[in-house]
Every structure is written in C-alpha cells, then in structure tokens.
C-alpha cells in the first residue's frame, strides 16, 4: 500500500501553528488523513473547494467539533496546506475562503520557485 516515496507537505501561512493549537485527537486524525493524501490516496471525508481554486480540497474532521484542513495536492513538488480552521456554521465563512484563496496563490508562487 505505501510503496512509493511520500510527497512532502508545505505549510502555508500559519496553518502548521493552527494544527499544533488543536486538541490531540484532532491533530492525530488530521495527520492520518494528510498521510493518506501523501500516499496519493483519498482522505476518509473530503470535498473539493472550487471556490478557493482548481485542485483545492478540504479534509473534514468530525472529532471534538468540526474542523477543516484546506489543501492542494495536484501541484508537482508538494502538498500545500493552505488553511486549518474550526467550522462554526454549516457554510464556510467568506473570511476562511478568502484566506485560503490568498494562500493558494502563495502556494502557486512557492511551486514556481521550485522548478
């Protein structure tokens, strides 16, 4: 199942700090789901985030509340974690979407520098 090399993870903005601030069970679930993505597999619960950009998805975590990790894995050199947040309503807030859009553009610039 885990034969080929892992794709590296790049944390954009404060996304790593946000993960570290979460409760341990939430961090563990996010880590497991992100490892699936590194192995080119699908997370347990995810959906595309076309409002952020092409190829951007969110991992949905249902541990100690609702949490989301927004990432893009389609780029060549890495998986870019764009934003991590606790979901407080049914609809993702405009501020969370706009922050993820800004960080998606930043990830595209980071990817271009790796060529």
N, C-alpha and C. Protein backbone atom coordinates (compact mmCIF):
# COMPACT_ATOMS: atom_id res chain seq x y z
N UNK A 1 0.83 -1.20 0.00
CA UNK A 1 0.00 0.00 0.00
C UNK A 1 0.86 1.25 0.00
N UNK A 2 1.91 1.30 0.80
CA UNK A 2 2.72 2.50 0.93
C UNK A 2 4.09 2.28 0.28
N UNK A 3 4.14 1.96 -1.02
CA UNK A 3 5.39 1.63 -1.67
C UNK A 3 6.22 2.80 -2.15
N UNK A 4 5.60 3.81 -2.75
CA UNK A 4 6.40 4.88 -3.33
C UNK A 4 6.68 6.00 -2.33
N UNK A 5 7.59 6.87 -2.73
CA UNK A 5 8.02 7.96 -1.84
C UNK A 5 6.87 8.91 -1.52
N UNK A 6 6.90 9.42 -0.31
CA UNK A 6 5.89 10.38 0.12
C UNK A 6 6.11 11.73 -0.52
N UNK A 7 5.04 12.38 -0.87
CA UNK A 7 5.10 13.76 -1.32
C UNK A 7 5.25 14.63 -0.07
N UNK A 8 6.13 15.60 -0.12
CA UNK A 8 6.34 16.45 1.06
C UNK A 8 5.14 17.36 1.30
N UNK A 9 5.04 17.84 2.54
CA UNK A 9 3.96 18.75 2.93
C UNK A 9 4.58 20.12 3.19
N UNK A 10 4.02 21.15 2.57
CA UNK A 10 4.43 22.53 2.81
C UNK A 10 3.27 23.24 3.51
N UNK A 11 3.58 23.89 4.61
CA UNK A 11 2.56 24.58 5.41
C UNK A 11 2.59 26.05 5.03
N UNK A 12 1.49 26.57 4.51
CA UNK A 12 1.42 27.95 4.05
C UNK A 12 0.84 28.82 5.17
N UNK A 13 1.47 29.97 5.39
CA UNK A 13 0.99 30.89 6.43
C UNK A 13 1.10 30.26 7.81
N UNK A 14 0.06 30.44 8.61
CA UNK A 14 0.08 29.92 9.98
C UNK A 14 -0.61 28.57 10.10
N UNK A 15 -0.75 27.83 8.99
CA UNK A 15 -1.50 26.58 9.03
C UNK A 15 -0.89 25.55 9.98
N UNK A 16 0.43 25.44 10.05
CA UNK A 16 1.05 24.48 10.97
C UNK A 16 0.79 24.89 12.42
N UNK A 17 0.90 26.17 12.72
CA UNK A 17 0.62 26.65 14.06
C UNK A 17 -0.82 26.39 14.46
N UNK A 18 -1.73 26.52 13.51
CA UNK A 18 -3.14 26.25 13.80
C UNK A 18 -3.37 24.77 14.11
N UNK A 19 -2.68 23.89 13.39
CA UNK A 19 -2.80 22.46 13.69
C UNK A 19 -2.26 22.17 15.08
N UNK A 20 -1.10 22.74 15.39
CA UNK A 20 -0.48 22.49 16.70
C UNK A 20 -1.35 22.98 17.86
N UNK A 21 -2.21 23.96 17.61
CA UNK A 21 -3.08 24.51 18.66
C UNK A 21 -4.33 23.66 18.89
N UNK A 22 -4.58 22.69 18.02
CA UNK A 22 -5.77 21.84 18.16
C UNK A 22 -5.55 20.76 19.21
N UNK A 23 -6.65 20.20 19.69
CA UNK A 23 -6.58 19.10 20.65
C UNK A 23 -5.91 17.88 20.01
N UNK A 24 -5.26 17.08 20.83
CA UNK A 24 -4.51 15.93 20.33
C UNK A 24 -5.32 14.98 19.45
N UNK A 25 -6.55 14.61 19.81
CA UNK A 25 -7.31 13.71 18.93
C UNK A 25 -7.56 14.32 17.54
N UNK A 26 -7.77 15.61 17.47
CA UNK A 26 -7.99 16.29 16.20
C UNK A 26 -6.69 16.27 15.39
N UNK A 27 -5.57 16.59 16.03
CA UNK A 27 -4.25 16.56 15.35
C UNK A 27 -3.95 15.17 14.80
N UNK A 28 -4.23 14.15 15.60
CA UNK A 28 -3.97 12.78 15.16
C UNK A 28 -4.79 12.42 13.94
N UNK A 29 -6.06 12.78 13.94
CA UNK A 29 -6.92 12.48 12.79
C UNK A 29 -6.46 13.25 11.55
N UNK A 30 -6.12 14.54 11.74
CA UNK A 30 -5.62 15.33 10.61
C UNK A 30 -4.33 14.73 10.05
N UNK A 31 -3.45 14.30 10.94
CA UNK A 31 -2.19 13.69 10.50
C UNK A 31 -2.42 12.43 9.70
N UNK A 32 -3.33 11.59 10.17
CA UNK A 32 -3.65 10.36 9.46
C UNK A 32 -4.22 10.67 8.07
N UNK A 33 -5.15 11.60 8.01
CA UNK A 33 -5.78 11.95 6.73
C UNK A 33 -4.76 12.56 5.77
N UNK A 34 -3.88 13.40 6.28
CA UNK A 34 -2.86 14.01 5.44
C UNK A 34 -1.86 12.97 4.93
N UNK A 35 -1.58 11.97 5.75
CA UNK A 35 -0.68 10.89 5.30
C UNK A 35 -1.32 10.11 4.15
N UNK A 36 -2.62 9.90 4.20
CA UNK A 36 -3.30 9.24 3.07
C UNK A 36 -3.08 10.04 1.79
N UNK A 37 -3.22 11.36 1.88
CA UNK A 37 -3.01 12.22 0.71
C UNK A 37 -1.56 12.10 0.23
N UNK A 38 -0.61 12.04 1.16
CA UNK A 38 0.80 11.90 0.77
C UNK A 38 1.03 10.61 -0.01
N UNK A 39 0.24 9.58 0.28
CA UNK A 39 0.36 8.29 -0.41
C UNK A 39 -0.54 8.24 -1.65
N UNK A 40 -1.02 9.41 -2.09
CA UNK A 40 -1.86 9.51 -3.27
C UNK A 40 -3.18 8.76 -3.12
N UNK A 41 -3.69 8.76 -1.88
CA UNK A 41 -4.98 8.15 -1.59
C UNK A 41 -5.96 9.25 -1.18
N UNK A 42 -7.23 8.91 -1.15
CA UNK A 42 -8.24 9.89 -0.75
C UNK A 42 -8.43 9.87 0.76
N UNK A 43 -8.61 11.05 1.37
CA UNK A 43 -8.94 11.09 2.79
C UNK A 43 -10.31 10.44 3.03
N UNK A 44 -10.60 10.14 4.29
CA UNK A 44 -11.87 9.49 4.64
C UNK A 44 -13.08 10.35 4.29
N UNK A 45 -12.99 11.65 4.55
CA UNK A 45 -14.11 12.56 4.30
C UNK A 45 -13.54 13.87 3.75
N UNK A 46 -13.84 14.16 2.51
CA UNK A 46 -13.29 15.34 1.86
C UNK A 46 -14.27 15.85 0.83
N UNK A 47 -14.02 17.08 0.39
CA UNK A 47 -14.80 17.62 -0.74
C UNK A 47 -13.94 18.65 -1.46
N UNK A 48 -14.19 18.83 -2.75
CA UNK A 48 -13.45 19.85 -3.49
C UNK A 48 -13.86 21.25 -3.04
N UNK A 49 -12.92 22.17 -3.11
CA UNK A 49 -13.17 23.57 -2.73
C UNK A 49 -12.91 24.44 -3.95
N UNK A 50 -13.77 24.32 -4.94
CA UNK A 50 -13.60 25.07 -6.18
C UNK A 50 -13.63 26.57 -5.95
N UNK A 51 -14.28 27.02 -4.89
CA UNK A 51 -14.33 28.45 -4.59
C UNK A 51 -12.94 28.99 -4.25
N UNK A 52 -12.04 28.10 -3.82
CA UNK A 52 -10.67 28.52 -3.48
C UNK A 52 -9.79 28.47 -4.72
N UNK A 53 -9.88 27.39 -5.48
CA UNK A 53 -9.07 27.26 -6.68
C UNK A 53 -9.12 25.85 -7.24
N UNK A 54 -8.65 25.66 -8.47
CA UNK A 54 -8.66 24.33 -9.08
C UNK A 54 -7.73 23.37 -8.34
N UNK A 55 -8.25 22.18 -8.05
CA UNK A 55 -7.45 21.17 -7.37
C UNK A 55 -7.39 21.32 -5.86
N UNK A 56 -8.09 22.31 -5.32
CA UNK A 56 -8.08 22.53 -3.87
C UNK A 56 -9.20 21.70 -3.24
N UNK A 57 -8.87 20.99 -2.16
CA UNK A 57 -9.83 20.17 -1.43
C UNK A 57 -9.81 20.52 0.05
N UNK A 58 -10.84 20.08 0.74
CA UNK A 58 -10.83 20.21 2.20
C UNK A 58 -11.03 18.85 2.81
N UNK A 59 -10.25 18.57 3.85
CA UNK A 59 -10.44 17.38 4.66
C UNK A 59 -11.39 17.77 5.79
N UNK A 60 -12.39 16.95 6.00
CA UNK A 60 -13.42 17.24 7.01
C UNK A 60 -13.19 16.31 8.20
N UNK A 61 -12.97 16.90 9.36
CA UNK A 61 -12.72 16.14 10.59
C UNK A 61 -13.89 16.35 11.54
N UNK A 62 -14.41 15.27 12.07
CA UNK A 62 -15.57 15.31 12.96
C UNK A 62 -15.18 14.81 14.35
N UNK A 63 -14.13 15.36 14.92
CA UNK A 63 -13.64 14.99 16.24
C UNK A 63 -13.61 16.25 17.09
N UNK A 64 -14.23 16.20 18.26
CA UNK A 64 -14.28 17.36 19.15
C UNK A 64 -14.76 18.61 18.41
N UNK A 65 -15.85 18.46 17.71
CA UNK A 65 -16.38 19.56 16.89
C UNK A 65 -16.08 19.29 15.42
N UNK A 66 -16.24 20.31 14.61
CA UNK A 66 -15.99 20.21 13.17
C UNK A 66 -14.75 21.01 12.83
N UNK A 67 -13.80 20.37 12.14
CA UNK A 67 -12.55 21.03 11.75
C UNK A 67 -12.31 20.78 10.27
N UNK A 68 -11.61 21.71 9.65
CA UNK A 68 -11.30 21.59 8.23
C UNK A 68 -9.82 21.88 7.97
N UNK A 69 -9.24 21.13 7.03
CA UNK A 69 -7.89 21.38 6.55
C UNK A 69 -8.00 21.54 5.04
N UNK A 70 -7.66 22.71 4.54
CA UNK A 70 -7.77 23.01 3.11
C UNK A 70 -6.39 22.86 2.50
N UNK A 71 -6.31 22.07 1.42
CA UNK A 71 -5.01 21.76 0.82
C UNK A 71 -5.12 21.64 -0.70
N UNK A 72 -3.96 21.68 -1.34
CA UNK A 72 -3.87 21.37 -2.77
C UNK A 72 -2.76 20.33 -2.93
N UNK A 73 -3.08 19.22 -3.60
CA UNK A 73 -2.12 18.14 -3.78
C UNK A 73 -1.73 17.94 -5.23
N UNK A 74 -2.37 18.64 -6.13
CA UNK A 74 -2.13 18.41 -7.56
C UNK A 74 -0.85 19.05 -8.08
N UNK A 75 -0.24 19.89 -7.29
CA UNK A 75 1.00 20.52 -7.75
C UNK A 75 2.14 19.50 -7.69
N UNK A 76 3.14 19.71 -8.49
CA UNK A 76 4.17 18.69 -8.70
C UNK A 76 5.04 18.41 -7.50
N UNK A 77 5.49 19.44 -6.80
CA UNK A 77 6.54 19.27 -5.81
C UNK A 77 6.08 18.99 -4.39
N UNK A 78 4.87 19.31 -4.03
CA UNK A 78 4.45 19.15 -2.63
C UNK A 78 2.94 19.20 -2.50
N UNK A 79 2.49 18.82 -1.32
CA UNK A 79 1.12 19.06 -0.89
C UNK A 79 1.17 20.34 -0.08
N UNK A 80 0.36 21.31 -0.43
CA UNK A 80 0.37 22.60 0.27
C UNK A 80 -0.87 22.70 1.15
N UNK A 81 -0.64 22.81 2.46
CA UNK A 81 -1.74 23.02 3.40
C UNK A 81 -1.98 24.52 3.45
N UNK A 82 -3.15 24.94 3.00
CA UNK A 82 -3.46 26.35 2.85
C UNK A 82 -4.08 26.97 4.09
N UNK A 83 -4.94 26.22 4.76
CA UNK A 83 -5.66 26.79 5.90
C UNK A 83 -6.23 25.67 6.75
N UNK A 84 -6.27 25.89 8.06
CA UNK A 84 -6.85 24.95 9.02
C UNK A 84 -7.75 25.76 9.94
N UNK A 85 -8.97 25.29 10.15
CA UNK A 85 -9.88 26.07 10.99
C UNK A 85 -10.96 25.18 11.58
N UNK A 86 -11.58 25.69 12.63
CA UNK A 86 -12.73 25.04 13.24
C UNK A 86 -13.98 25.59 12.56
N UNK A 87 -14.81 24.71 12.11
CA UNK A 87 -16.04 25.10 11.42
C UNK A 87 -17.10 25.42 12.46
N UNK A 88 -17.70 26.61 12.35
CA UNK A 88 -18.66 27.05 13.35
C UNK A 88 -20.09 27.13 12.82
N UNK A 89 -20.26 27.01 11.51
CA UNK A 89 -21.60 27.03 10.94
C UNK A 89 -21.62 26.10 9.73
N UNK A 90 -22.80 25.89 9.17
CA UNK A 90 -22.92 24.97 8.02
C UNK A 90 -22.12 25.46 6.81
N UNK A 91 -22.13 26.76 6.61
CA UNK A 91 -21.45 27.34 5.45
C UNK A 91 -20.07 27.84 5.86
N UNK A 92 -19.06 27.56 5.03
CA UNK A 92 -17.71 28.06 5.29
C UNK A 92 -17.72 29.58 5.17
N UNK A 93 -17.12 30.24 6.14
CA UNK A 93 -17.17 31.71 6.16
C UNK A 93 -16.39 32.31 4.99
N UNK A 94 -16.83 33.47 4.58
CA UNK A 94 -16.17 34.21 3.49
C UNK A 94 -14.71 34.49 3.85
N UNK A 95 -14.44 34.81 5.11
CA UNK A 95 -13.07 35.10 5.54
C UNK A 95 -12.17 33.87 5.38
N UNK A 96 -12.68 32.68 5.72
CA UNK A 96 -11.89 31.45 5.58
C UNK A 96 -11.62 31.15 4.10
N UNK A 97 -12.61 31.35 3.26
CA UNK A 97 -12.43 31.11 1.81
C UNK A 97 -11.43 32.10 1.24
N UNK A 98 -11.55 33.38 1.59
CA UNK A 98 -10.63 34.39 1.06
C UNK A 98 -9.19 34.14 1.52
N UNK A 99 -9.02 33.73 2.78
CA UNK A 99 -7.67 33.43 3.27
C UNK A 99 -7.09 32.24 2.51
N UNK A 100 -7.89 31.21 2.29
CA UNK A 100 -7.43 30.04 1.52
C UNK A 100 -7.09 30.44 0.08
N UNK A 101 -7.88 31.33 -0.53
CA UNK A 101 -7.58 31.79 -1.90
C UNK A 101 -6.24 32.51 -1.95
N UNK A 102 -5.99 33.38 -0.99
CA UNK A 102 -4.73 34.12 -0.93
C UNK A 102 -3.56 33.15 -0.78
N UNK A 103 -3.73 32.17 0.09
CA UNK A 103 -2.66 31.20 0.33
C UNK A 103 -2.48 30.25 -0.86
N UNK A 104 -3.54 30.00 -1.61
CA UNK A 104 -3.42 29.20 -2.82
C UNK A 104 -2.52 29.92 -3.82
N UNK A 105 -2.72 31.21 -3.97
CA UNK A 105 -1.85 32.00 -4.86
C UNK A 105 -0.40 31.96 -4.36
N UNK A 106 -0.23 32.03 -3.05
CA UNK A 106 1.10 31.95 -2.47
C UNK A 106 1.73 30.57 -2.74
N UNK A 107 0.95 29.51 -2.65
CA UNK A 107 1.44 28.16 -2.93
C UNK A 107 1.86 28.03 -4.39
N UNK A 108 1.10 28.64 -5.29
CA UNK A 108 1.48 28.61 -6.71
C UNK A 108 2.83 29.30 -6.93
N UNK A 109 3.05 30.42 -6.23
CA UNK A 109 4.34 31.11 -6.33
C UNK A 109 5.46 30.25 -5.73
N UNK A 110 5.20 29.59 -4.61
CA UNK A 110 6.20 28.72 -3.99
C UNK A 110 6.56 27.57 -4.93
N UNK A 111 5.56 27.01 -5.57
CA UNK A 111 5.77 25.90 -6.51
C UNK A 111 6.61 26.35 -7.69
N UNK A 112 6.34 27.56 -8.20
CA UNK A 112 7.08 28.07 -9.35
C UNK A 112 8.57 28.24 -9.03
N UNK A 113 8.88 28.59 -7.80
CA UNK A 113 10.27 28.77 -7.39
C UNK A 113 11.04 27.45 -7.30
N UNK A 114 10.34 26.34 -7.23
CA UNK A 114 10.98 25.02 -7.09
C UNK A 114 11.37 24.40 -8.42
N UNK A 115 11.02 25.04 -9.50
CA UNK A 115 11.32 24.46 -10.83
C UNK A 115 12.79 24.50 -11.14
